[in-house]
Amino acid sequence: MLGRYTWSLFLVVLLAPFALAIKFFLPPARFPVAKCIWNVAHTHALVIVTANVGPGLGQRVDIEIIDSTPQQNVYLSKRDIKGETRLAVTAHADGEVGVCFKNWLSPDVKIQLAHNMSRTIDLDIDIGADAVDYNAIANQESLSGLETEMRKLEGVVKEIVDEMEYLKKREERFADTNLSTNQRVQNFAWFTLFSLIGLGVWQIFHLRAYFKRKYLID
């Protein structure tokens, strides 16, 4: 019994979504192209973004959090972030949430110097259960260490269930699309067949009438 429980916990931890932590250099430009980091998030999922922007003279870093839906929702936009910046948003729909950065070069700086300039960005993105501060919940509700860990596992399991439901819905949509496509192909095939038969019959009568006019056949 203990072994089964241990394996269950191992699978839960293995399937749990991990927090994204990356570090990169962002060069400046007069009209910079946004550098976006995308992560999958489900509806009502909490997204915590922690960006630590290094120093850089003559440069201004802007951040924007958007999603990949057709509406291109902009959850948050902030100009000239410096040092550590912590932002929190809630996803409105299933899809990807992007954290985008732009590094603007100051007009006072010569464009030739931009090749040797950049700003360092340390980015941490926590989504869903990883974004919940369970220590604060434990202090507020007076939970023991074991109860706190169980609350964490409950959040992780809920995320896994939501992920499975999302994949199930996507599979159903793909199946409906596949059936619809097959039906359209079948209808087009029947239309082509009947069109060819009709064209063949018309050619037979047309040629017969033509040969009769030329007295080639009776």
Protein backbone atom coordinates (compact mmCIF):
# COMPACT_ATOMS: atom_id res chain seq x y z
CA MET A 1 0.00 0.00 0.00
CA LEU A 2 2.84 2.35 0.85
CA GLY A 3 4.58 1.56 -2.41
CA ARG A 4 1.49 2.41 -4.43
CA TYR A 5 1.12 5.72 -2.56
CA THR A 6 4.78 6.53 -3.17
CA TRP A 7 4.47 5.81 -6.89
CA SER A 8 1.33 7.97 -7.05
CA LEU A 9 3.19 10.90 -5.51
CA PHE A 10 6.09 10.31 -7.91
CA LEU A 11 3.77 10.41 -10.93
CA VAL A 12 2.07 13.55 -9.66
CA VAL A 13 5.40 15.32 -9.19
CA LEU A 14 6.60 14.06 -12.57
CA LEU A 15 3.53 15.32 -14.40
CA ALA A 16 3.38 18.61 -12.53
CA PRO A 17 4.12 21.75 -14.57
CA PHE A 18 7.50 23.30 -13.83
CA ALA A 19 8.19 26.96 -13.34
CA LEU A 20 10.13 28.59 -16.16
CA ALA A 21 13.33 30.41 -15.23
CA ILE A 22 15.57 31.80 -17.95
CA LYS A 23 18.25 34.44 -18.38
CA PHE A 24 18.97 36.29 -21.60
CA PHE A 25 20.46 39.48 -23.01
CA LEU A 26 18.21 42.02 -24.72
CA PRO A 27 19.92 44.36 -27.21
CA PRO A 28 18.50 47.88 -27.72
CA ALA A 29 17.17 49.44 -30.91
CA ARG A 30 15.41 52.59 -32.05
CA PHE A 31 12.39 50.51 -33.05
CA PRO A 32 12.92 47.20 -31.23
CA VAL A 33 11.18 43.95 -32.07
CA ALA A 34 9.48 42.36 -29.09
CA LYS A 35 11.11 39.27 -27.62
CA CYS A 36 8.34 37.06 -26.26
CA ILE A 37 8.46 34.01 -24.01
CA TRP A 38 5.36 31.84 -24.43
CA ASN A 39 3.86 29.37 -21.96
CA VAL A 40 0.69 27.31 -22.02
CA ALA A 41 -1.97 28.42 -19.55
CA HIS A 42 -5.58 27.39 -19.03
CA THR A 43 -8.62 29.52 -18.27
CA HIS A 44 -8.49 31.27 -14.87
CA ALA A 45 -4.90 30.09 -14.30
CA LEU A 46 -2.81 32.43 -12.17
CA VAL A 47 0.38 33.61 -13.88
CA ILE A 48 3.14 35.20 -11.79
CA VAL A 49 5.93 36.93 -13.73
CA THR A 50 9.11 37.99 -11.95
CA ALA A 51 11.52 39.94 -14.15
CA ASN A 52 14.88 41.17 -12.88
CA VAL A 53 16.28 43.72 -15.34
CA GLY A 54 19.96 44.57 -15.11
CA PRO A 55 21.31 48.12 -15.40
CA GLY A 56 21.96 49.80 -18.75
CA LEU A 57 22.52 53.46 -19.61
CA GLY A 58 20.56 54.93 -22.49
CA GLN A 59 18.13 52.01 -22.60
CA ARG A 60 14.48 51.59 -21.60
CA VAL A 61 12.91 48.16 -21.17
CA ASP A 62 9.14 47.79 -21.52
CA ILE A 63 7.18 44.66 -20.64
CA GLU A 64 3.84 43.46 -21.94
CA ILE A 65 1.85 40.32 -21.12
CA ILE A 66 -0.44 39.08 -23.90
CA ASP A 67 -2.10 35.86 -25.01
CA SER A 68 -2.32 33.90 -28.26
CA THR A 69 -6.09 34.11 -28.71
CA PRO A 70 -7.51 35.75 -31.87
CA GLN A 71 -8.43 38.76 -29.73
CA GLN A 72 -4.75 39.22 -28.71
CA ASN A 73 -5.71 40.20 -25.16
CA VAL A 74 -3.23 42.50 -23.44
CA TYR A 75 -3.28 41.65 -19.74
CA LEU A 76 -0.69 44.14 -18.61
CA SER A 77 1.76 46.68 -20.05
CA LYS A 78 4.46 48.51 -18.13
CA ARG A 79 7.14 50.93 -19.28
CA ASP A 80 10.71 51.38 -18.09
CA ILE A 81 11.01 48.49 -15.66
CA LYS A 82 14.16 48.38 -13.54
CA GLY A 83 15.50 45.92 -11.02
CA GLU A 84 13.06 43.26 -9.85
CA THR A 85 9.50 43.58 -11.07
CA ARG A 86 6.76 41.17 -10.00
CA LEU A 87 3.53 41.01 -11.98
CA ALA A 88 0.42 38.84 -11.63
CA VAL A 89 -2.32 38.18 -14.20
CA THR A 90 -5.10 35.64 -14.70
CA ALA A 91 -5.50 33.88 -18.05
CA HIS A 92 -8.83 34.56 -19.76
CA ALA A 93 -8.83 31.56 -22.10
CA ASP A 94 -7.04 28.33 -22.92
CA GLY A 95 -3.93 28.96 -24.97
CA GLU A 96 -0.52 30.51 -24.56
CA VAL A 97 0.44 33.52 -22.46
CA GLY A 98 3.39 35.54 -23.73
CA VAL A 99 5.72 37.78 -21.73
CA CYS A 100 7.19 40.28 -24.20
CA PHE A 101 10.10 42.67 -23.75
CA LYS A 102 11.30 45.64 -25.81
CA ASN A 103 14.58 47.46 -25.21
CA TRP A 104 14.37 51.02 -26.56
CA LEU A 105 17.56 52.89 -27.37
CA SER A 106 17.63 56.46 -26.13
CA PRO A 107 17.71 59.16 -28.85
CA ASP A 108 20.78 60.63 -27.14
CA VAL A 109 22.81 57.48 -27.85
CA LYS A 110 24.41 56.97 -31.26
CA ILE A 111 23.02 54.02 -33.16
CA GLN A 112 26.55 52.73 -33.79
CA LEU A 113 27.03 52.14 -30.06
CA ALA A 114 23.96 49.90 -29.81
CA HIS A 115 25.93 46.86 -31.03
CA ASN A 116 27.90 46.83 -27.78
CA MET A 117 24.93 47.44 -25.50
CA SER A 118 22.37 45.15 -23.91
CA ARG A 119 20.48 44.57 -20.71
CA THR A 120 20.38 41.32 -18.78
CA ILE A 121 16.97 39.92 -17.92
CA ASP A 122 16.33 37.15 -15.40
CA LEU A 123 12.81 35.88 -15.94
CA ASP A 124 10.77 33.57 -13.73
CA ILE A 125 7.27 32.52 -14.79
CA ASP A 126 5.05 30.53 -12.43
CA ILE A 127 1.70 29.24 -13.67
CA GLY A 128 -1.18 27.61 -11.83
CA ALA A 129 -0.24 25.74 -8.68
CA ASP A 130 3.36 26.97 -8.92
CA ALA A 131 2.14 30.55 -8.66
CA VAL A 132 0.19 30.04 -5.43
CA ASP A 133 1.88 31.18 -2.24
CA TYR A 134 1.11 28.18 -0.05
CA ASN A 135 3.18 29.54 2.83
CA ALA A 136 0.84 32.53 3.08
CA ILE A 137 -2.16 30.18 2.92
CA ALA A 138 -0.65 28.00 5.63
CA ASN A 139 -0.11 31.02 7.91
CA GLN A 140 -3.60 32.33 7.23
CA GLU A 141 -5.38 29.02 7.79
CA SER A 142 -2.95 27.66 10.42
CA LEU A 143 -2.11 24.58 8.37
CA SER A 144 0.50 22.06 9.40
CA GLY A 145 3.39 21.11 7.12
CA LEU A 146 1.64 17.94 5.99
CA GLU A 147 -1.61 19.80 5.32
CA THR A 148 0.29 22.39 3.29
CA GLU A 149 1.92 19.68 1.19
CA MET A 150 -1.45 18.03 0.64
CA ARG A 151 -2.88 21.39 -0.44
CA LYS A 152 -0.03 21.71 -2.95
CA LEU A 153 -0.70 18.21 -4.29
CA GLU A 154 -4.39 19.04 -4.54
CA GLY A 155 -3.57 22.05 -6.70
CA VAL A 156 -1.22 20.01 -8.89
CA VAL A 157 -3.79 17.23 -9.35
CA LYS A 158 -6.43 19.81 -10.28
CA GLU A 159 -4.09 21.20 -12.92
CA ILE A 160 -3.50 17.73 -14.32
CA VAL A 161 -7.27 17.11 -14.47
CA ASP A 162 -7.78 20.47 -16.21
CA GLU A 163 -5.01 19.58 -18.67
CA MET A 164 -6.66 16.24 -19.44
CA GLU A 165 -10.03 17.95 -19.94
CA TYR A 166 -8.39 20.47 -22.27
CA LEU A 167 -6.74 17.70 -24.29
CA LYS A 168 -10.04 15.83 -24.42
CA LYS A 169 -11.84 18.88 -25.79
CA ARG A 170 -9.10 19.42 -28.37
CA GLU A 171 -9.35 15.77 -29.43
CA GLU A 172 -13.11 16.13 -29.80
CA ARG A 173 -12.67 19.25 -31.94
CA PHE A 174 -10.11 17.49 -34.10
CA ALA A 175 -12.43 14.49 -34.47
CA ASP A 176 -15.32 16.75 -35.50
CA THR A 177 -13.07 18.52 -37.99
CA ASN A 178 -11.90 15.18 -39.37
CA LEU A 179 -15.46 13.90 -39.79
CA SER A 180 -16.55 17.15 -41.42
CA THR A 181 -13.59 17.05 -43.81
CA ASN A 182 -14.27 13.42 -44.72
CA GLN A 183 -17.91 14.21 -45.38
CA ARG A 184 -16.98 17.13 -47.64
CA VAL A 185 -14.46 15.01 -49.55
CA GLN A 186 -17.07 12.28 -49.97
CA ASN A 187 -19.67 14.78 -51.21
CA PHE A 188 -17.16 16.23 -53.65
CA ALA A 189 -16.29 12.75 -54.89
CA TRP A 190 -19.97 11.95 -55.55
CA PHE A 191 -20.43 15.32 -57.26
CA THR A 192 -17.40 14.65 -59.49
CA LEU A 193 -18.67 11.16 -60.34
CA PHE A 194 -22.16 12.34 -61.27
CA SER A 195 -20.70 15.26 -63.22
CA LEU A 196 -18.51 12.90 -65.27
CA ILE A 197 -21.41 10.54 -65.91
CA GLY A 198 -23.63 13.43 -66.98
CA LEU A 199 -20.87 14.81 -69.22
CA GLY A 200 -20.39 11.37 -70.79
CA VAL A 201 -24.11 10.96 -71.48
CA TRP A 202 -24.29 14.45 -72.98
CA GLN A 203 -21.30 13.74 -75.24
CA ILE A 204 -22.93 10.51 -76.48
CA PHE A 205 -26.17 12.26 -77.45
CA HIS A 206 -24.33 15.24 -78.88
CA LEU A 207 -22.06 13.09 -81.06
CA ARG A 208 -24.99 10.92 -82.14
CA ALA A 209 -26.93 13.99 -83.24
CA TYR A 210 -23.86 15.35 -85.02
CA PHE A 211 -23.22 12.13 -86.94
CA LYS A 212 -26.89 11.97 -87.93
CA ARG A 213 -26.71 15.48 -89.36
CA LYS A 214 -23.69 14.42 -91.39
CA TYR A 215 -25.51 11.26 -92.52
CA LEU A 216 -22.73 9.14 -91.09
CA ILE A 217 -25.17 7.00 -89.13
CA ASP A 218 -28.87 6.22 -89.41
